[in-house]
């Protein structure tokens, strides 16, 4: 059995690394605004948008990159996005209102997700395109348009469960969208509502990391576009949704070692690596390993804009040419809706160390001024180490790596920041900070609550200007500079 530390070092791009190296600045922010605290980087966000746009240019395609707003509630990020040529994907009435208030016009917004009547009304009223989930939603939207004398609503048909040659389904079942084999009834519905609905295209959003599944879906959408044209419509948009992914870790070998070590621990071949023997989906029955590892693949060699490039370069199985070429030949616009991938390296979460206690196993319990909802890495199956940001400049004694369990500030046994044992280069002390890098995608505020009266993390926007870091409250960020210390 091995007791060697199993690190999961986060991947840090230069801007994030520079921010984490500014220890005095980070401590100043937490001292003034409290712990936990979320930081977002609008400058990095704009660069990520540009990377996706570069892929479209490489394939000579027109279209729009739309940020999936549900990934992060930041006003600073949405306002920064409004200054680019990108669009916004909203999945609720509140997100649509936020986008409009941040500077977006309706023609740059796509509404997705389940939609109540109020959401549909505001979308139709502002000229927002609606990615329709099914027949009932289309019927309701048409009724709203007629009842209020609104212009025709631009709609995309959201499809799912694509297959090859009409036989074997290659994309998994989804509770969203309409199965592709049921396209004909939707086309009939559009015929009945020509006065109220304008079909501009089709799309999909698959809960998978598989490029092959998405290539099958994209090919299915190309066929659906032909069906729309046969019915006399003039569709122009294919929406490939999101799911382009993020690689959270710096080293593939560390991920391989950790997952191997976790399997060994579950099998009883090395000391436990988690609180209470949690197996992340793995278990042992009668000496046999069962289950499946329920974790996000924290190291991925191809993600983000490169993933989109890979998808567009794939030959269509039934048509023989690259999917990007087929889109170009069909004069289709490509819409994509990255969430996690667009906010890669765009944020981090800080927490103050409150208490450090030893245990009879030799491990330590570290209690943070934060709870599991404030940095919901575990909820999304993301494993990576936090970074220690010591208080003060005096170096601490180097006693080598230490194993710690990170505990939250709620009076609940289940309030674990991470269920796994985390290895740090040294033991933290009260007053130090732990920084969780790259939390802007879903892990920052997606699950935050005011449980037990604990404060939800405040959020600030930070930008490097002239060799120093400036900041403002997230809601006070606007992408213009004026006297008074605002950042742009």
Protein backbone atom coordinates (compact mmCIF):
# COMPACT_ATOMS: atom_id res chain seq x y z
CA UNK A 1 0.00 0.00 0.00
CA UNK A 2 1.26 3.49 -0.92
CA UNK A 3 0.93 6.66 1.17
CA UNK A 4 2.47 8.91 -1.50
CA UNK A 5 0.59 12.21 -1.93
CA UNK A 6 -1.70 12.37 -4.92
CA UNK A 7 -1.74 15.92 -6.21
CA UNK A 8 -4.29 17.31 -8.67
CA UNK A 9 -2.58 20.55 -9.67
CA UNK A 10 -4.93 23.02 -11.38
CA UNK A 11 -4.12 24.26 -14.86
CA UNK A 12 -3.29 27.98 -14.71
CA UNK A 13 -3.00 30.24 -17.72
CA UNK A 14 -0.76 33.35 -17.37
CA UNK A 15 -3.44 35.83 -16.24
CA UNK A 16 -4.83 33.51 -13.57
CA UNK A 17 -1.32 32.60 -12.41
CA UNK A 18 -0.40 36.28 -12.11
CA UNK A 19 -3.51 36.99 -10.04
CA UNK A 20 -2.80 34.08 -7.70
CA UNK A 21 0.75 35.36 -7.30
CA UNK A 22 -0.59 38.68 -5.97
CA UNK A 23 -0.97 37.48 -2.40
CA UNK A 24 -1.22 40.91 -0.75
CA UNK A 25 -3.94 41.98 -3.21
CA UNK A 26 -6.00 38.84 -2.59
CA UNK A 27 -5.75 39.19 1.19
CA UNK A 28 -6.69 42.87 0.92
CA UNK A 29 -9.85 41.98 -1.00
CA UNK A 30 -10.92 39.28 1.47
CA UNK A 31 -10.14 41.48 4.47
CA UNK A 32 -12.38 44.19 3.03
CA UNK A 33 -15.18 42.15 1.49
CA UNK A 34 -15.23 38.96 3.54
CA UNK A 35 -14.90 35.24 2.95
CA UNK A 36 -15.93 33.52 0.77
CA UNK A 37 -15.19 35.82 -2.15
CA UNK A 38 -15.45 35.23 -5.90
CA UNK A 39 -13.25 37.01 -8.44
CA UNK A 40 -14.00 37.22 -12.18
CA UNK A 41 -11.70 38.27 -15.02
CA UNK A 42 -13.56 40.05 -17.86
CA UNK A 43 -10.33 40.44 -19.86
CA UNK A 44 -9.88 36.67 -20.06
CA UNK A 45 -13.54 36.24 -20.98
CA UNK A 46 -13.13 38.42 -24.07
CA UNK A 47 -10.08 36.40 -25.14
CA UNK A 48 -12.01 33.14 -24.85
CA UNK A 49 -14.77 34.52 -27.06
CA UNK A 50 -12.16 35.51 -29.64
CA UNK A 51 -10.73 31.97 -29.67
CA UNK A 52 -14.12 30.52 -30.63
CA UNK A 53 -14.58 33.19 -33.28
CA UNK A 54 -11.18 32.23 -34.75
CA UNK A 55 -12.46 28.67 -35.28
CA UNK A 56 -15.43 29.94 -37.27
CA UNK A 57 -13.11 32.01 -39.45
CA UNK A 58 -10.81 29.02 -39.98
CA UNK A 59 -13.74 27.07 -41.42
CA UNK A 60 -14.97 30.17 -43.31
CA UNK A 61 -18.28 30.02 -41.47
CA UNK A 62 -20.59 32.78 -40.32
CA UNK A 63 -22.57 32.52 -37.13
CA UNK A 64 -22.61 33.48 -33.50
CA UNK A 65 -20.93 32.38 -30.28
CA UNK A 66 -23.49 32.73 -27.46
CA UNK A 67 -22.45 32.53 -23.81
CA UNK A 68 -24.64 30.14 -21.80
CA UNK A 69 -25.53 32.56 -19.02
CA UNK A 70 -26.52 29.84 -16.55
CA UNK A 71 -22.82 29.00 -16.10
CA UNK A 72 -22.25 32.22 -14.15
CA UNK A 73 -24.45 35.03 -12.81
CA UNK A 74 -21.78 37.74 -13.15
CA UNK A 75 -22.93 41.14 -14.42
CA UNK A 76 -19.33 42.07 -15.25
CA UNK A 77 -18.92 39.12 -17.59
CA UNK A 78 -22.23 39.69 -19.37
CA UNK A 79 -21.55 43.41 -19.78
CA UNK A 80 -18.08 42.64 -21.13
CA UNK A 81 -19.64 40.18 -23.57
CA UNK A 82 -22.02 42.86 -24.83
CA UNK A 83 -19.04 44.81 -26.18
CA UNK A 84 -18.04 41.90 -28.46
CA UNK A 85 -19.85 40.43 -31.48
CA UNK A 86 -20.97 37.45 -29.38
CA UNK A 87 -24.48 36.58 -28.30
CA UNK A 88 -26.12 35.42 -25.09
CA UNK A 89 -27.94 32.16 -24.38
CA UNK A 90 -30.54 32.68 -21.64
CA UNK A 91 -32.43 29.88 -19.92
CA UNK A 92 -34.86 31.86 -17.75
CA UNK A 93 -36.88 35.06 -17.64
CA UNK A 94 -34.42 36.50 -15.12
CA UNK A 95 -31.44 35.78 -17.37
CA UNK A 96 -33.21 37.42 -20.32
CA UNK A 97 -33.95 40.52 -18.24
CA UNK A 98 -30.33 40.58 -17.07
CA UNK A 99 -29.01 40.33 -20.63
CA UNK A 100 -31.24 43.13 -21.88
CA UNK A 101 -30.17 45.32 -18.96
CA UNK A 102 -26.49 44.56 -19.63
CA UNK A 103 -26.59 46.03 -23.12
CA UNK A 104 -27.79 43.22 -25.35
CA UNK A 105 -30.50 43.74 -27.93
CA UNK A 106 -32.95 40.90 -28.43
CA UNK A 107 -31.59 39.94 -31.85
CA UNK A 108 -28.33 38.86 -30.15
CA UNK A 109 -30.04 36.61 -27.61
CA UNK A 110 -31.17 32.98 -27.91
CA UNK A 111 -33.66 31.68 -25.34
CA UNK A 112 -33.25 28.03 -24.36
CA UNK A 113 -34.47 25.79 -21.58
CA UNK A 114 -38.08 25.32 -20.40
CA UNK A 115 -40.09 28.54 -20.86
CA UNK A 116 -43.13 29.87 -19.03
CA UNK A 117 -45.54 32.31 -20.69
CA UNK A 118 -43.82 35.42 -19.31
CA UNK A 119 -40.46 34.26 -20.68
CA UNK A 120 -41.99 33.63 -24.11
CA UNK A 121 -43.76 37.00 -24.13
CA UNK A 122 -40.61 38.98 -23.36
CA UNK A 123 -38.62 36.98 -25.92
CA UNK A 124 -41.22 37.69 -28.61
CA UNK A 125 -41.54 41.33 -27.56
CA UNK A 126 -37.79 41.99 -27.79
CA UNK A 127 -37.02 40.00 -30.95
CA UNK A 128 -35.17 37.23 -29.11
CA UNK A 129 -34.86 33.92 -30.97
CA UNK A 130 -36.40 30.94 -29.18
CA UNK A 131 -34.82 27.49 -29.22
CA UNK A 132 -38.09 25.62 -28.84
CA UNK A 133 -38.11 22.55 -26.64
CA UNK A 134 -41.12 20.90 -28.25
CA UNK A 135 -44.59 21.13 -29.79
CA UNK A 136 -46.34 22.46 -26.68
CA UNK A 137 -43.89 25.34 -26.40
CA UNK A 138 -44.36 26.24 -30.08
CA UNK A 139 -48.15 26.20 -29.68
CA UNK A 140 -47.99 28.48 -26.64
CA UNK A 141 -45.55 30.86 -28.33
CA UNK A 142 -47.79 31.16 -31.40
CA UNK A 143 -50.77 31.96 -29.17
CA UNK A 144 -48.85 34.69 -27.37
CA UNK A 145 -47.69 36.27 -30.63
CA UNK A 146 -51.26 36.42 -31.96
CA UNK A 147 -52.87 37.55 -28.71
CA UNK A 148 -50.50 40.52 -28.37
CA UNK A 149 -50.10 41.44 -32.03
CA UNK A 150 -46.35 40.77 -32.00
CA UNK A 151 -44.08 40.21 -35.02
CA UNK A 152 -43.39 36.63 -36.09
CA UNK A 153 -41.22 34.91 -33.51
CA UNK A 154 -37.95 33.46 -34.78
CA UNK A 155 -37.70 29.86 -33.60
CA UNK A 156 -35.22 27.01 -33.81
CA UNK A 157 -36.39 23.42 -33.45
CA UNK A 158 -34.43 21.70 -30.70
CA UNK A 159 -33.93 18.05 -31.68
CA UNK A 160 -32.55 15.05 -29.78
CA UNK A 161 -32.00 11.27 -30.02
CA UNK A 162 -30.36 11.24 -33.42
CA UNK A 163 -29.62 8.01 -35.24
CA UNK A 164 -27.78 6.71 -38.28
CA UNK A 165 -29.74 5.59 -41.35
CA UNK A 166 -32.95 5.60 -39.30
CA UNK A 167 -31.96 2.52 -37.28
CA UNK A 168 -29.58 2.65 -34.35
CA UNK A 169 -29.77 5.67 -32.05
CA UNK A 170 -26.28 7.02 -31.40
CA UNK A 171 -27.12 9.90 -29.07
CA UNK A 172 -28.51 9.21 -25.63
CA UNK A 173 -32.06 9.87 -24.52
CA UNK A 174 -32.77 13.40 -23.28
CA UNK A 175 -35.68 15.02 -21.47
CA UNK A 176 -35.08 18.11 -23.63
CA UNK A 177 -35.94 18.62 -27.28
CA UNK A 178 -37.95 16.51 -29.72
CA UNK A 179 -36.63 13.15 -30.98
CA UNK A 180 -35.38 13.64 -34.53
CA UNK A 181 -37.67 10.89 -35.83
CA UNK A 182 -40.65 13.04 -34.74
CA UNK A 183 -39.64 16.02 -36.87
CA UNK A 184 -42.60 15.62 -39.26
CA UNK A 185 -45.29 16.58 -36.67
CA UNK A 186 -43.28 19.69 -35.80
CA UNK A 187 -43.15 20.66 -39.46
CA UNK A 188 -46.92 20.28 -39.64
CA UNK A 189 -47.30 22.52 -36.61
CA UNK A 190 -45.13 25.18 -38.27
CA UNK A 191 -47.40 25.02 -41.32
CA UNK A 192 -50.40 25.86 -39.14
CA UNK A 193 -48.60 28.77 -37.50
CA UNK A 194 -46.84 30.41 -40.45
CA UNK A 195 -48.37 33.77 -39.46
CA UNK A 196 -46.85 33.64 -35.96
CA UNK A 197 -43.64 31.58 -36.14
CA UNK A 198 -40.62 31.94 -38.40
CA UNK A 199 -38.42 28.81 -38.31
CA UNK A 200 -34.82 29.97 -38.73
CA UNK A 201 -33.16 26.60 -38.13
CA UNK A 202 -32.63 23.60 -35.93
CA UNK A 203 -30.28 22.66 -33.12
CA UNK A 204 -29.33 20.22 -30.41
CA UNK A 205 -27.72 20.18 -27.00
CA UNK A 206 -26.34 16.82 -25.89
CA UNK A 207 -25.20 15.97 -22.38
CA UNK A 208 -22.04 14.20 -23.52
CA UNK A 209 -18.33 14.74 -24.08
CA UNK A 210 -18.38 12.46 -27.15
CA UNK A 211 -17.43 14.18 -30.40
CA UNK A 212 -18.84 11.19 -32.32
CA UNK A 213 -22.29 11.66 -30.78
CA UNK A 214 -22.24 15.35 -31.59
CA UNK A 215 -21.08 14.68 -35.14
CA UNK A 216 -24.06 12.34 -35.56
CA UNK A 217 -26.39 15.03 -34.20
CA UNK A 218 -24.92 17.72 -36.47
CA UNK A 219 -25.37 15.47 -39.50
CA UNK A 220 -28.97 14.89 -38.40
CA UNK A 221 -29.50 18.65 -38.21
CA UNK A 222 -28.22 19.04 -41.78
CA UNK A 223 -30.88 16.56 -42.91
CA UNK A 224 -33.55 18.40 -40.90
CA UNK A 225 -32.62 21.68 -42.62
CA UNK A 226 -33.36 20.05 -45.96
CA UNK A 227 -36.77 18.98 -44.67
CA UNK A 228 -37.54 22.56 -43.65
CA UNK A 229 -36.56 23.80 -47.10
CA UNK A 230 -38.76 21.19 -48.79
CA UNK A 231 -41.68 22.60 -46.77
CA UNK A 232 -41.02 26.07 -48.19
CA UNK A 233 -39.19 27.60 -45.21
CA UNK A 234 -35.88 29.44 -45.41
CA UNK A 235 -33.83 28.16 -42.46
CA UNK A 236 -30.27 29.39 -42.07
CA UNK A 237 -29.07 28.47 -38.56
CA UNK A 238 -27.77 25.24 -37.06
CA UNK A 239 -27.23 25.48 -33.31
CA UNK A 240 -24.72 22.99 -31.86
CA UNK A 241 -25.34 24.00 -28.25
CA UNK A 242 -22.57 23.75 -25.68
CA UNK A 243 -20.59 21.02 -23.96
CA UNK A 244 -17.14 21.95 -25.31
CA UNK A 245 -15.53 21.29 -21.97
CA UNK A 246 -12.63 22.47 -19.86
CA UNK A 247 -9.39 20.77 -18.87
CA UNK A 248 -9.04 21.64 -15.19
CA UNK A 249 -5.73 19.94 -14.43
CA UNK A 250 -2.19 20.76 -15.48
CA UNK A 251 -0.98 17.16 -15.81
CA UNK A 252 -2.59 14.11 -17.36
CA UNK A 253 -0.34 11.81 -15.31
CA UNK A 254 -1.69 13.20 -12.03
CA UNK A 255 -5.27 12.47 -13.10
CA UNK A 256 -4.33 8.93 -14.10
CA UNK A 257 -2.48 8.35 -10.82
CA UNK A 258 -5.37 9.71 -8.76
CA UNK A 259 -8.09 7.66 -10.44
CA UNK A 260 -5.90 4.56 -10.15
CA UNK A 261 -5.23 5.35 -6.48
CA UNK A 262 -8.93 5.89 -5.81
CA UNK A 263 -9.73 2.50 -7.30
CA UNK A 264 -7.04 0.91 -5.13
CA UNK A 265 -8.42 2.65 -2.04
CA UNK A 266 -11.98 1.47 -2.75
CA UNK A 267 -10.58 -2.06 -3.17
CA UNK A 268 -8.80 -1.76 0.19
CA UNK A 269 -5.32 -1.88 -1.33
CA UNK A 270 -4.23 1.51 0.03
CA UNK A 271 -5.46 3.83 2.82
CA UNK A 272 -8.73 5.68 2.18
CA UNK A 273 -8.52 8.77 -0.02
CA UNK A 274 -11.92 10.16 0.90
CA UNK A 275 -14.02 11.11 3.91
CA UNK A 276 -16.02 8.10 5.06
CA UNK A 277 -14.71 5.91 2.25
CA UNK A 278 -16.74 7.72 -0.43
CA UNK A 279 -16.03 6.03 -3.79
CA UNK A 280 -17.31 8.58 -6.31
CA UNK A 281 -19.53 5.89 -7.81
CA UNK A 282 -17.18 2.95 -7.22
CA UNK A 283 -17.88 0.23 -4.67
CA UNK A 284 -16.82 -3.31 -3.81
CA UNK A 285 -19.25 -6.22 -3.66
CA UNK A 286 -17.93 -9.64 -2.67
CA UNK A 287 -14.40 -8.59 -3.55
CA UNK A 288 -15.38 -7.32 -7.01
CA UNK A 289 -15.21 -3.67 -8.10
CA UNK A 290 -18.64 -2.39 -9.16
CA UNK A 291 -20.12 0.86 -10.42
CA UNK A 292 -18.67 3.61 -12.58
CA UNK A 293 -16.55 6.63 -11.75
CA UNK A 294 -18.97 9.58 -11.55
CA UNK A 295 -16.47 12.38 -12.09
CA UNK A 296 -15.91 15.06 -14.68
CA UNK A 297 -12.83 14.14 -16.76
CA UNK A 298 -10.66 16.77 -15.12
CA UNK A 299 -7.84 16.40 -17.64
CA UNK A 300 -8.97 16.55 -21.26
CA UNK A 301 -6.54 16.98 -24.17
CA UNK A 302 -9.07 18.73 -26.47
CA UNK A 303 -11.53 21.26 -25.07
CA UNK A 304 -13.12 24.61 -25.73
CA UNK A 305 -12.51 26.18 -29.13
CA UNK A 306 -10.26 23.26 -30.11
CA UNK A 307 -13.17 20.88 -29.47
CA UNK A 308 -15.38 22.90 -31.83
CA UNK A 309 -12.60 22.81 -34.43
CA UNK A 310 -12.39 19.02 -34.06
CA UNK A 311 -16.17 18.66 -34.49
CA UNK A 312 -16.25 20.78 -37.65
CA UNK A 313 -13.31 18.84 -39.09
CA UNK A 314 -15.02 15.45 -38.63
CA UNK A 315 -16.28 13.77 -41.82
CA UNK A 316 -20.03 13.21 -41.77
CA UNK A 317 -20.57 9.44 -41.64
CA UNK A 318 -23.31 9.44 -44.27
CA UNK A 319 -22.13 12.30 -46.46
CA UNK A 320 -18.38 11.75 -46.64
CA UNK A 321 -17.13 15.31 -46.25
CA UNK A 322 -16.17 17.36 -43.18
CA UNK A 323 -19.11 18.79 -41.28
CA UNK A 324 -17.67 22.30 -41.52
CA UNK A 325 -17.53 21.96 -45.31
CA UNK A 326 -21.14 20.81 -45.43
CA UNK A 327 -22.22 23.80 -43.33
CA UNK A 328 -20.34 26.12 -45.68
CA UNK A 329 -21.81 24.53 -48.80
CA UNK A 330 -25.30 24.84 -47.37
CA UNK A 331 -24.70 28.53 -46.53
CA UNK A 332 -25.66 27.78 -42.93
CA UNK A 333 -24.89 30.04 -39.98
CA UNK A 334 -23.42 28.16 -37.02
CA UNK A 335 -24.57 29.02 -33.52
CA UNK A 336 -22.71 27.62 -30.51
CA UNK A 337 -23.55 28.13 -26.83
CA UNK A 338 -20.50 27.42 -24.66
CA UNK A 339 -20.89 27.92 -20.94
CA UNK A 340 -18.06 26.33 -18.98
CA UNK A 341 -15.66 26.67 -21.94
CA UNK A 342 -16.20 30.43 -22.35
CA UNK A 343 -15.45 31.13 -18.69
CA UNK A 344 -12.38 28.88 -18.60
CA UNK A 345 -9.72 30.66 -16.48
CA UNK A 346 -12.17 33.53 -15.85
CA UNK A 347 -12.67 33.23 -12.12
CA UNK A 348 -11.54 31.91 -8.77
CA UNK A 349 -13.04 31.50 -5.30
CA UNK A 350 -11.24 32.50 -2.10
CA UNK A 351 -11.83 31.26 1.43
CA UNK A 352 -10.18 32.11 4.74
CA UNK A 353 -8.81 29.28 6.88
CA UNK A 354 -10.60 29.44 10.24
CA UNK A 355 -9.29 26.41 12.11
CA UNK A 356 -6.81 23.56 11.70
CA UNK A 357 -7.13 20.39 13.79
CA UNK A 358 -5.18 17.18 13.84
CA UNK A 359 -6.78 13.73 13.83
CA UNK A 360 -5.72 10.36 15.20
CA UNK A 361 -5.08 9.19 11.62
CA UNK A 362 -2.39 11.81 11.07
CA UNK A 363 -4.55 13.79 8.67
CA UNK A 364 -5.83 17.27 9.48
CA UNK A 365 -9.23 18.92 9.39
CA UNK A 366 -9.21 22.42 7.90
CA UNK A 367 -12.35 24.50 8.47
CA UNK A 368 -12.95 27.30 5.98
CA UNK A 369 -15.12 30.43 5.99
CA UNK A 370 -17.06 28.89 3.10
CA UNK A 371 -19.52 26.07 2.61
CA UNK A 372 -19.92 23.44 -0.09
CA UNK A 373 -22.55 25.50 -1.92
CA UNK A 374 -20.11 28.38 -2.36
CA UNK A 375 -17.70 26.33 -4.44
CA UNK A 376 -19.74 23.43 -5.78
CA UNK A 377 -16.87 21.50 -7.31
CA UNK A 378 -18.14 18.25 -5.81
CA UNK A 379 -21.66 18.74 -7.17
CA UNK A 380 -20.20 18.92 -10.67
CA UNK A 381 -17.70 16.11 -10.16
CA UNK A 382 -14.68 18.38 -10.59
CA UNK A 383 -11.58 17.39 -8.61
CA UNK A 384 -8.60 19.73 -8.35
CA UNK A 385 -6.42 21.04 -5.56
CA UNK A 386 -6.88 24.48 -4.03
CA UNK A 387 -3.84 26.74 -3.86
CA UNK A 388 -2.49 27.98 -0.55
CA UNK A 389 -2.11 31.78 -0.30
CA UNK A 390 -0.29 32.42 3.00
CA UNK A 391 -0.81 35.61 4.98
CA UNK A 392 2.32 37.71 5.23
CA UNK A 393 5.66 37.33 3.52
CA UNK A 394 7.53 35.25 6.10
CA UNK A 395 8.01 31.69 4.77
CA UNK A 396 6.42 28.98 6.85
CA UNK A 397 8.45 25.97 7.99
CA UNK A 398 8.59 23.42 5.20
CA UNK A 399 7.52 20.11 6.72
CA UNK A 400 6.63 18.56 3.40
CA UNK A 401 3.24 17.63 1.97
CA UNK A 402 0.28 17.22 4.28
CA UNK A 403 -3.11 15.53 3.82
CA UNK A 404 -6.13 17.58 4.83
CA UNK A 405 -9.90 17.30 4.78
CA UNK A 406 -11.61 20.59 3.87
CA UNK A 407 -14.65 21.32 6.01
CA UNK A 408 -17.30 24.00 5.48
CA UNK A 409 -18.81 26.45 7.94
CA UNK A 410 -22.28 24.89 8.24
CA UNK A 411 -23.39 22.80 11.19
CA UNK A 412 -23.87 19.75 8.97
CA UNK A 413 -21.84 16.56 8.74
CA UNK A 414 -22.35 16.66 4.98
CA UNK A 415 -20.82 20.14 4.57
CA UNK A 416 -17.56 19.02 2.99
CA UNK A 417 -15.83 21.35 0.54
CA UNK A 418 -14.45 18.22 -1.05
CA UNK A 419 -15.06 14.60 -0.06
CA UNK A 420 -11.57 13.61 -1.07
CA UNK A 421 -8.40 14.00 0.95
CA UNK A 422 -6.48 17.00 -0.42
CA UNK A 423 -2.70 17.12 -0.39
CA UNK A 424 -1.16 20.54 0.22
CA UNK A 425 2.54 21.49 0.12
CA UNK A 426 2.36 22.51 3.79
CA UNK A 427 -0.17 22.79 6.59
CA UNK A 428 -2.20 26.01 6.36
CA UNK A 429 -2.66 28.30 9.35
CA UNK A 430 -5.69 30.33 10.46
CA UNK A 431 -5.76 33.53 8.43
CA UNK A 432 -4.28 31.96 5.32
CA UNK A 433 -6.39 31.76 2.17
CA UNK A 434 -7.22 28.79 0.03
CA UNK A 435 -7.84 29.70 -3.60
CA UNK A 436 -9.98 27.45 -5.78
CA UNK A 437 -8.96 28.22 -9.35
CA UNK A 438 -11.18 28.15 -12.42
CA UNK A 439 -14.53 28.04 -10.64
CA UNK A 440 -16.36 30.50 -12.93
CA UNK A 441 -18.10 27.71 -14.87
CA UNK A 442 -21.01 26.44 -12.72
CA UNK A 443 -18.89 25.97 -9.59
CA UNK A 444 -18.95 29.59 -8.36
CA UNK A 445 -22.57 30.48 -7.64
CA UNK A 446 -24.71 27.75 -9.21
CA UNK A 447 -25.48 26.14 -5.85
CA UNK A 448 -24.87 29.01 -3.41
CA UNK A 449 -27.53 29.55 -0.70
CA UNK A 450 -27.91 31.50 2.55
CA UNK A 451 -28.22 28.31 4.61
CA UNK A 452 -27.99 28.86 8.37
CA UNK A 453 -27.65 32.60 7.79
CA UNK A 454 -24.19 32.28 6.27
CA UNK A 455 -23.44 34.97 3.69
CA UNK A 456 -23.32 34.13 0.00
CA UNK A 457 -19.97 34.95 -1.55
CA UNK A 458 -19.67 38.49 -2.87
CA UNK A 459 -18.27 38.85 -6.36
CA UNK A 460 -15.73 41.33 -7.70
CA UNK A 461 -14.33 41.99 -11.16
CA UNK A 462 -10.56 42.34 -11.39
CA UNK A 463 -8.32 43.55 -14.20
CA UNK A 464 -4.59 44.00 -14.58
CA UNK A 465 -3.67 47.49 -15.71
CA UNK A 466 -0.19 48.95 -15.87
CA UNK A 467 1.36 46.15 -13.86
CA UNK A 468 -1.09 46.32 -10.96
CA UNK A 469 -4.48 44.83 -10.18
CA UNK A 470 -7.62 46.94 -9.91
CA UNK A 471 -11.06 45.83 -8.81
CA UNK A 472 -14.68 46.84 -8.43
CA UNK A 473 -17.84 45.11 -7.22
CA UNK A 474 -19.23 42.87 -9.91
CA UNK A 475 -22.49 44.81 -10.19
CA UNK A 476 -20.55 48.09 -10.50
CA UNK A 477 -18.49 46.94 -13.48
CA UNK A 478 -19.15 48.63 -16.81
CA UNK A 479 -16.89 48.24 -19.86
CA UNK A 480 -16.06 51.96 -19.95
CA UNK A 481 -13.48 53.90 -17.97
CA UNK A 482 -14.32 57.01 -15.99
CA UNK A 483 -12.83 58.93 -13.10
CA UNK A 484 -13.43 57.11 -9.87
CA UNK A 485 -11.39 53.96 -10.28
CA UNK A 486 -13.67 51.87 -12.44
CA UNK A 487 -12.00 49.16 -14.46
CA UNK A 488 -12.53 48.47 -18.15
